[in-house]
Structure formats: structure tokens, C-alpha cells
Amino acid sequence: MFGKIRNFLKEVKIELKKVVYPSRDEVIGSTKVVIVLVIMVALFLGMIDLLLTRIIAIVVR
């Protein structure tokens, strides 16, 4: 039982050594892209919501 756990942890350690982490500039660039896209989607959904609200208000009258 403990041998399997020890073997698993050794393999995890080996696999973690293979991981290539992004550079600081790559992380900053990706973060900027995500923020811009989130803002664009939020504005789009806000406009759709406003449009549908006005259409429903007209229909309900």
C-alpha cells in the first residue's frame, strides 16, 4: 500500500519537472486579452438585455 503511494508521488514529481510555466510577459499578455474579451462580452450582453427589456416593455403595454 505505502509502496504504491510512494511510487505515485515519485511519478508526480517527475511529471512536475516536465511542466513548462509561462513567462511573466506571457501571463500579462494573456491576462490583458481575457480582460478585454470579458469587457466586450459584458457590453454585448448588456446591450442585448437592454434591447429585450425595451421590447418586452412595449409588448406588455
C-alpha atoms as a PDB file:
ATOM      1  CA  MET A   1       0.000   0.000   0.000  1.00  0.00           C
ATOM      2  CA  PHE A   2       2.630   2.541   1.050  1.00  0.00           C
ATOM      3  CA  GLY A   3       4.852   1.403  -1.818  1.00  0.00           C
ATOM      4  CA  LYS A   4       2.144   2.328  -4.320  1.00  0.00           C
ATOM      5  CA  ILE A   5       1.715   5.735  -2.711  1.00  0.00           C
ATOM      6  CA  ARG A   6       5.477   6.342  -2.718  1.00  0.00           C
ATOM      7  CA  ASN A   7       5.683   5.285  -6.384  1.00  0.00           C
ATOM      8  CA  PHE A   8       2.777   7.586  -7.264  1.00  0.00           C
ATOM      9  CA  LEU A   9       4.430  10.550  -5.553  1.00  0.00           C
ATOM     10  CA  LYS A  10       7.731   9.846  -7.350  1.00  0.00           C
ATOM     11  CA  GLU A  11       5.905   9.833 -10.687  1.00  0.00           C
ATOM     12  CA  VAL A  12       4.121  13.072  -9.794  1.00  0.00           C
ATOM     13  CA  LYS A  13       7.483  14.679  -9.006  1.00  0.00           C
ATOM     14  CA  ILE A  14       8.911  13.500 -12.348  1.00  0.00           C
ATOM     15  CA  GLU A  15       5.898  14.833 -14.264  1.00  0.00           C
ATOM     16  CA  LEU A  16       6.049  18.196 -12.486  1.00  0.00           C
ATOM     17  CA  LYS A  17       9.639  18.606 -13.652  1.00  0.00           C
ATOM     18  CA  LYS A  18       8.356  18.403 -17.249  1.00  0.00           C
ATOM     19  CA  VAL A  19       5.937  21.307 -16.798  1.00  0.00           C
ATOM     20  CA  VAL A  20       6.843  24.475 -18.688  1.00  0.00           C
ATOM     21  CA  TYR A  21       5.469  27.517 -16.913  1.00  0.00           C
ATOM     22  CA  PRO A  22       4.681  30.671 -18.919  1.00  0.00           C
ATOM     23  CA  SER A  23       6.906  33.704 -18.599  1.00  0.00           C
ATOM     24  CA  ARG A  24       5.757  36.831 -16.818  1.00  0.00           C
ATOM     25  CA  ASP A  25       5.211  38.620 -20.140  1.00  0.00           C
ATOM     26  CA  GLU A  26       3.063  35.760 -21.458  1.00  0.00           C
ATOM     27  CA  VAL A  27       0.907  35.802 -18.332  1.00  0.00           C
ATOM     28  CA  ILE A  28       0.457  39.575 -18.517  1.00  0.00           C
ATOM     29  CA  GLY A  29      -0.434  39.381 -22.222  1.00  0.00           C
ATOM     30  CA  SER A  30      -2.948  36.602 -21.671  1.00  0.00           C
ATOM     31  CA  THR A  31      -4.496  38.488 -18.759  1.00  0.00           C
ATOM     32  CA  LYS A  32      -4.955  41.592 -20.921  1.00  0.00           C
ATOM     33  CA  VAL A  33      -6.655  39.534 -23.629  1.00  0.00           C
ATOM     34  CA  VAL A  34      -9.009  37.945 -21.090  1.00  0.00           C
ATOM     35  CA  ILE A  35      -9.918  41.308 -19.534  1.00  0.00           C
ATOM     36  CA  VAL A  36     -10.649  42.872 -22.944  1.00  0.00           C
ATOM     37  CA  LEU A  37     -12.778  39.910 -24.020  1.00  0.00           C
ATOM     38  CA  VAL A  38     -14.726  39.925 -20.741  1.00  0.00           C
ATOM     39  CA  ILE A  39     -15.470  43.634 -21.183  1.00  0.00           C
ATOM     40  CA  MET A  40     -16.584  43.089 -24.796  1.00  0.00           C
ATOM     41  CA  VAL A  41     -18.896  40.205 -23.847  1.00  0.00           C
ATOM     42  CA  ALA A  42     -20.312  42.178 -20.918  1.00  0.00           C
ATOM     43  CA  LEU A  43     -21.102  45.141 -23.167  1.00  0.00           C
ATOM     44  CA  PHE A  44     -22.685  42.879 -25.780  1.00  0.00           C
ATOM     45  CA  LEU A  45     -24.859  41.098 -23.235  1.00  0.00           C
ATOM     46  CA  GLY A  46     -25.789  44.426 -21.638  1.00  0.00           C
ATOM     47  CA  MET A  47     -26.963  45.768 -24.991  1.00  0.00           C
ATOM     48  CA  ILE A  48     -28.982  42.614 -25.691  1.00  0.00           C
ATOM     49  CA  ASP A  49     -30.548  42.827 -22.216  1.00  0.00           C
ATOM     50  CA  LEU A  50     -31.448  46.491 -22.722  1.00  0.00           C
ATOM     51  CA  LEU A  51     -32.947  45.749 -26.127  1.00  0.00           C
ATOM     52  CA  LEU A  52     -35.020  42.820 -24.862  1.00  0.00           C
ATOM     53  CA  THR A  53     -36.193  44.825 -21.842  1.00  0.00           C
ATOM     54  CA  ARG A  54     -37.481  47.600 -24.111  1.00  0.00           C
ATOM     55  CA  ILE A  55     -39.168  45.111 -26.455  1.00  0.00           C
ATOM     56  CA  ILE A  56     -40.919  43.392 -23.548  1.00  0.00           C
ATOM     57  CA  ALA A  57     -41.979  46.765 -22.104  1.00  0.00           C
ATOM     58  CA  ILE A  58     -43.564  47.669 -25.429  1.00  0.00           C
ATOM     59  CA  VAL A  59     -45.356  44.316 -25.707  1.00  0.00           C
ATOM     60  CA  VAL A  60     -46.663  44.445 -22.127  1.00  0.00           C
ATOM     61  CA  ARG A  61     -48.226  47.877 -22.563  1.00  0.00           C
END
